[in-house]
Amino acid sequence: MPGLGFRYVGQDRLPTRLSEFDVERHFALTDSDVATINERFRRDRRAGAAIQLVFLRASGQTLDHVGTLPRQLLRYVSERLCLPTPTIASLRTLYHRYKTQYEHQVWACGYLGLTSIGAERWSELEAWMRQDAAESLTLDELM
């Protein structure tokens, strides 16, 4: 399956359920991630930062949607960070202040080395995408 690696790219929210395979394949925390999160954030802020990080890494977008977070992801993140697993959680329950959520998103972008594309780079990106589209034989190859 050529598109499996990009399953969550472009998504703006988490699905209500995730398989353990999806969590381990697309939303995994490395040992380095865990060490950095534990060093950088207070214990009560670590789960939110971790979820922002893994979602950004999987989708390319920050997580703003306030729906319920998948239980499998909560369990995984809690186990990796040695935290108690919440029974029900959403972004609203993790973040009592929008500012904290925003700070976690900014941190995750910086940690992953993501920056905004300047105006001069948009034309280069468009040219590259047009060339790639012209050379791709199938939609899967293009993706």
C-alpha atoms as a PDB file:
ATOM      1  CA  MET A   1       0.000   0.000   0.000  1.00  0.00           C
ATOM      2  CA  PRO A   2       1.842   3.090  -1.144  1.00  0.00           C
ATOM      3  CA  GLY A   3      -0.378   5.560   0.704  1.00  0.00           C
ATOM      4  CA  LEU A   4      -0.204   3.904   4.140  1.00  0.00           C
ATOM      5  CA  GLY A   5       2.644   6.106   5.349  1.00  0.00           C
ATOM      6  CA  PHE A   6       0.566   9.209   4.602  1.00  0.00           C
ATOM      7  CA  ARG A   7      -2.693   7.995   6.105  1.00  0.00           C
ATOM      8  CA  TYR A   8      -3.151  10.982   8.425  1.00  0.00           C
ATOM      9  CA  VAL A   9      -1.413  13.696   6.389  1.00  0.00           C
ATOM     10  CA  GLY A  10      -3.681  16.717   6.059  1.00  0.00           C
ATOM     11  CA  GLN A  11      -6.135  15.608   8.754  1.00  0.00           C
ATOM     12  CA  ASP A  12      -7.327  18.319  11.141  1.00  0.00           C
ATOM     13  CA  ARG A  13      -8.641  16.018  13.861  1.00  0.00           C
ATOM     14  CA  LEU A  14      -8.044  12.630  15.370  1.00  0.00           C
ATOM     15  CA  PRO A  15     -10.420   9.781  14.538  1.00  0.00           C
ATOM     16  CA  THR A  16     -12.619   8.576  17.400  1.00  0.00           C
ATOM     17  CA  ARG A  17     -10.854   5.195  17.407  1.00  0.00           C
ATOM     18  CA  LEU A  18      -7.313   4.181  16.546  1.00  0.00           C
ATOM     19  CA  SER A  19      -5.923   0.674  16.256  1.00  0.00           C
ATOM     20  CA  GLU A  20      -2.811  -0.197  18.225  1.00  0.00           C
ATOM     21  CA  PHE A  21      -1.049  -0.546  14.874  1.00  0.00           C
ATOM     22  CA  ASP A  22      -1.986   3.036  13.931  1.00  0.00           C
ATOM     23  CA  VAL A  23      -0.835   4.360  17.289  1.00  0.00           C
ATOM     24  CA  GLU A  24       2.526   2.592  17.045  1.00  0.00           C
ATOM     25  CA  ARG A  25       3.033   3.378  13.349  1.00  0.00           C
ATOM     26  CA  HIS A  26       1.774   6.965  13.092  1.00  0.00           C
ATOM     27  CA  PHE A  27       1.629   8.381  16.631  1.00  0.00           C
ATOM     28  CA  ALA A  28       4.713   6.895  18.297  1.00  0.00           C
ATOM     29  CA  LEU A  29       6.878   8.773  20.779  1.00  0.00           C
ATOM     30  CA  THR A  30      10.601   8.108  20.546  1.00  0.00           C
ATOM     31  CA  ASP A  31      12.750   7.799  23.644  1.00  0.00           C
ATOM     32  CA  SER A  32      14.183  11.206  22.748  1.00  0.00           C
ATOM     33  CA  ASP A  33      10.647  12.670  22.559  1.00  0.00           C
ATOM     34  CA  VAL A  34       9.804  11.268  25.988  1.00  0.00           C
ATOM     35  CA  ALA A  35      13.018  12.590  27.548  1.00  0.00           C
ATOM     36  CA  THR A  36      12.507  16.050  26.035  1.00  0.00           C
ATOM     37  CA  ILE A  37       8.847  16.245  27.104  1.00  0.00           C
ATOM     38  CA  ASN A  38       9.681  15.089  30.641  1.00  0.00           C
ATOM     39  CA  GLU A  39      12.467  17.646  30.886  1.00  0.00           C
ATOM     40  CA  ARG A  40      10.564  20.549  29.324  1.00  0.00           C
ATOM     41  CA  PHE A  41       7.043  20.273  30.812  1.00  0.00           C
ATOM     42  CA  ARG A  42       5.464  19.940  34.224  1.00  0.00           C
ATOM     43  CA  ARG A  43       3.904  16.545  34.869  1.00  0.00           C
ATOM     44  CA  ASP A  44       0.330  17.823  34.400  1.00  0.00           C
ATOM     45  CA  ARG A  45       1.203  19.346  30.984  1.00  0.00           C
ATOM     46  CA  ARG A  46       3.106  16.437  29.436  1.00  0.00           C
ATOM     47  CA  ALA A  47       0.184  14.528  27.911  1.00  0.00           C
ATOM     48  CA  GLY A  48      -1.067  17.581  26.023  1.00  0.00           C
ATOM     49  CA  ALA A  49       2.377  18.379  24.648  1.00  0.00           C
ATOM     50  CA  ALA A  50       2.889  14.760  23.590  1.00  0.00           C
ATOM     51  CA  ILE A  51      -0.460  14.584  21.801  1.00  0.00           C
ATOM     52  CA  GLN A  52       0.267  17.837  19.978  1.00  0.00           C
ATOM     53  CA  LEU A  53       3.664  16.469  18.955  1.00  0.00           C
ATOM     54  CA  VAL A  54       2.492  13.111  17.612  1.00  0.00           C
ATOM     55  CA  PHE A  55      -0.495  14.644  15.815  1.00  0.00           C
ATOM     56  CA  LEU A  56       1.679  17.290  14.154  1.00  0.00           C
ATOM     57  CA  ARG A  57       4.192  14.635  13.112  1.00  0.00           C
ATOM     58  CA  ALA A  58       1.467  12.386  11.645  1.00  0.00           C
ATOM     59  CA  SER A  59      -0.707  15.014   9.965  1.00  0.00           C
ATOM     60  CA  GLY A  60       1.442  18.067   9.354  1.00  0.00           C
ATOM     61  CA  GLN A  61      -1.076  20.210  11.231  1.00  0.00           C
ATOM     62  CA  THR A  62      -1.610  21.339  14.792  1.00  0.00           C
ATOM     63  CA  LEU A  63      -4.487  19.771  16.688  1.00  0.00           C
ATOM     64  CA  ASP A  64      -7.208  22.309  17.442  1.00  0.00           C
ATOM     65  CA  HIS A  65     -10.365  20.185  17.312  1.00  0.00           C
ATOM     66  CA  VAL A  66     -11.891  19.762  20.770  1.00  0.00           C
ATOM     67  CA  GLY A  67     -13.464  16.336  20.291  1.00  0.00           C
ATOM     68  CA  THR A  68     -12.785  13.327  22.475  1.00  0.00           C
ATOM     69  CA  LEU A  69      -9.304  11.892  22.136  1.00  0.00           C
ATOM     70  CA  PRO A  70      -8.986   8.200  21.182  1.00  0.00           C
ATOM     71  CA  ARG A  71      -8.609   5.952  24.220  1.00  0.00           C
ATOM     72  CA  GLN A  72      -5.829   3.943  22.568  1.00  0.00           C
ATOM     73  CA  LEU A  73      -3.744   7.101  22.059  1.00  0.00           C
ATOM     74  CA  LEU A  74      -4.350   8.295  25.619  1.00  0.00           C
ATOM     75  CA  ARG A  75      -3.286   4.930  26.994  1.00  0.00           C
ATOM     76  CA  TYR A  76      -0.158   4.857  24.840  1.00  0.00           C
ATOM     77  CA  VAL A  77       0.914   8.414  25.707  1.00  0.00           C
ATOM     78  CA  SER A  78       0.237   7.826  29.410  1.00  0.00           C
ATOM     79  CA  GLU A  79       2.279   4.629  29.437  1.00  0.00           C
ATOM     80  CA  ARG A  80       5.213   6.213  27.580  1.00  0.00           C
ATOM     81  CA  LEU A  81       5.245   9.215  29.936  1.00  0.00           C
ATOM     82  CA  CYS A  82       4.552   7.150  33.085  1.00  0.00           C
ATOM     83  CA  LEU A  83       1.334   9.065  33.776  1.00  0.00           C
ATOM     84  CA  PRO A  84      -2.062   7.811  34.953  1.00  0.00           C
ATOM     85  CA  THR A  85      -4.377   7.181  31.998  1.00  0.00           C
ATOM     86  CA  PRO A  86      -7.380   9.524  31.937  1.00  0.00           C
ATOM     87  CA  THR A  87     -10.692   7.752  31.410  1.00  0.00           C
ATOM     88  CA  ILE A  88     -12.155  10.445  29.167  1.00  0.00           C
ATOM     89  CA  ALA A  89     -10.214  13.298  27.676  1.00  0.00           C
ATOM     90  CA  SER A  90     -10.574  15.953  25.057  1.00  0.00           C
ATOM     91  CA  LEU A  91      -8.483  18.997  24.313  1.00  0.00           C
ATOM     92  CA  ARG A  92     -10.836  20.943  26.581  1.00  0.00           C
ATOM     93  CA  THR A  93     -10.032  18.702  29.534  1.00  0.00           C
ATOM     94  CA  LEU A  94      -6.287  18.760  28.805  1.00  0.00           C
ATOM     95  CA  TYR A  95      -6.186  22.511  28.287  1.00  0.00           C
ATOM     96  CA  HIS A  96      -7.999  24.809  30.648  1.00  0.00           C
ATOM     97  CA  ARG A  97      -6.332  27.742  28.922  1.00  0.00           C
ATOM     98  CA  TYR A  98      -6.025  28.229  25.175  1.00  0.00           C
ATOM     99  CA  LYS A  99      -2.622  29.841  25.740  1.00  0.00           C
ATOM    100  CA  THR A 100      -1.194  26.551  27.033  1.00  0.00           C
ATOM    101  CA  GLN A 101      -2.466  24.685  23.973  1.00  0.00           C
ATOM    102  CA  TYR A 102      -0.937  27.327  21.716  1.00  0.00           C
ATOM    103  CA  GLU A 103       2.387  27.142  23.592  1.00  0.00           C
ATOM    104  CA  HIS A 104       2.436  23.347  23.136  1.00  0.00           C
ATOM    105  CA  GLN A 105       1.749  23.754  19.416  1.00  0.00           C
ATOM    106  CA  VAL A 106       4.557  26.304  19.028  1.00  0.00           C
ATOM    107  CA  TRP A 107       6.899  24.040  20.980  1.00  0.00           C
ATOM    108  CA  ALA A 108       5.995  20.994  18.833  1.00  0.00           C
ATOM    109  CA  CYS A 109       6.605  22.961  15.611  1.00  0.00           C
ATOM    110  CA  GLY A 110       9.982  24.115  16.896  1.00  0.00           C
ATOM    111  CA  TYR A 111      10.924  20.658  18.157  1.00  0.00           C
ATOM    112  CA  LEU A 112      10.177  19.165  14.735  1.00  0.00           C
ATOM    113  CA  GLY A 113      11.978  21.996  12.939  1.00  0.00           C
ATOM    114  CA  LEU A 114       8.866  23.266  11.163  1.00  0.00           C
ATOM    115  CA  THR A 115       8.709  26.877  10.071  1.00  0.00           C
ATOM    116  CA  SER A 116       6.319  28.975   8.003  1.00  0.00           C
ATOM    117  CA  ILE A 117       6.881  29.112   4.281  1.00  0.00           C
ATOM    118  CA  GLY A 118       7.808  32.603   3.137  1.00  0.00           C
ATOM    119  CA  ALA A 119       6.161  34.174   0.100  1.00  0.00           C
ATOM    120  CA  GLU A 120       9.239  33.554  -2.053  1.00  0.00           C
ATOM    121  CA  ARG A 121       9.088  29.800  -1.396  1.00  0.00           C
ATOM    122  CA  TRP A 122       5.448  29.370  -2.457  1.00  0.00           C
ATOM    123  CA  SER A 123       6.266  29.799  -6.159  1.00  0.00           C
ATOM    124  CA  GLU A 124       9.130  27.285  -5.864  1.00  0.00           C
ATOM    125  CA  LEU A 125       6.812  24.814  -4.140  1.00  0.00           C
ATOM    126  CA  GLU A 126       4.128  25.280  -6.795  1.00  0.00           C
ATOM    127  CA  ALA A 127       6.640  24.689  -9.607  1.00  0.00           C
ATOM    128  CA  TRP A 128       7.950  21.541  -7.899  1.00  0.00           C
ATOM    129  CA  MET A 129       4.408  20.212  -7.345  1.00  0.00           C
ATOM    130  CA  ARG A 130       3.421  20.859 -10.981  1.00  0.00           C
ATOM    131  CA  GLN A 131       6.538  19.023 -12.191  1.00  0.00           C
ATOM    132  CA  ASP A 132       5.854  16.112  -9.836  1.00  0.00           C
ATOM    133  CA  ALA A 133       2.211  15.934 -10.967  1.00  0.00           C
ATOM    134  CA  ALA A 134       3.261  15.906 -14.623  1.00  0.00           C
ATOM    135  CA  GLU A 135       5.672  13.006 -14.037  1.00  0.00           C
ATOM    136  CA  SER A 136       3.385  10.846 -11.867  1.00  0.00           C
ATOM    137  CA  LEU A 137       1.547   8.040 -13.605  1.00  0.00           C
ATOM    138  CA  THR A 138      -0.950   7.215 -10.865  1.00  0.00           C
ATOM    139  CA  LEU A 139      -2.633   9.017  -7.986  1.00  0.00           C
ATOM    140  CA  ASP A 140      -0.873   6.718  -5.485  1.00  0.00           C
ATOM    141  CA  GLU A 141       2.483   7.615  -7.010  1.00  0.00           C
ATOM    142  CA  LEU A 142       1.620  11.303  -6.840  1.00  0.00           C
ATOM    143  CA  MET A 143       0.679  10.993  -3.175  1.00  0.00           C
END
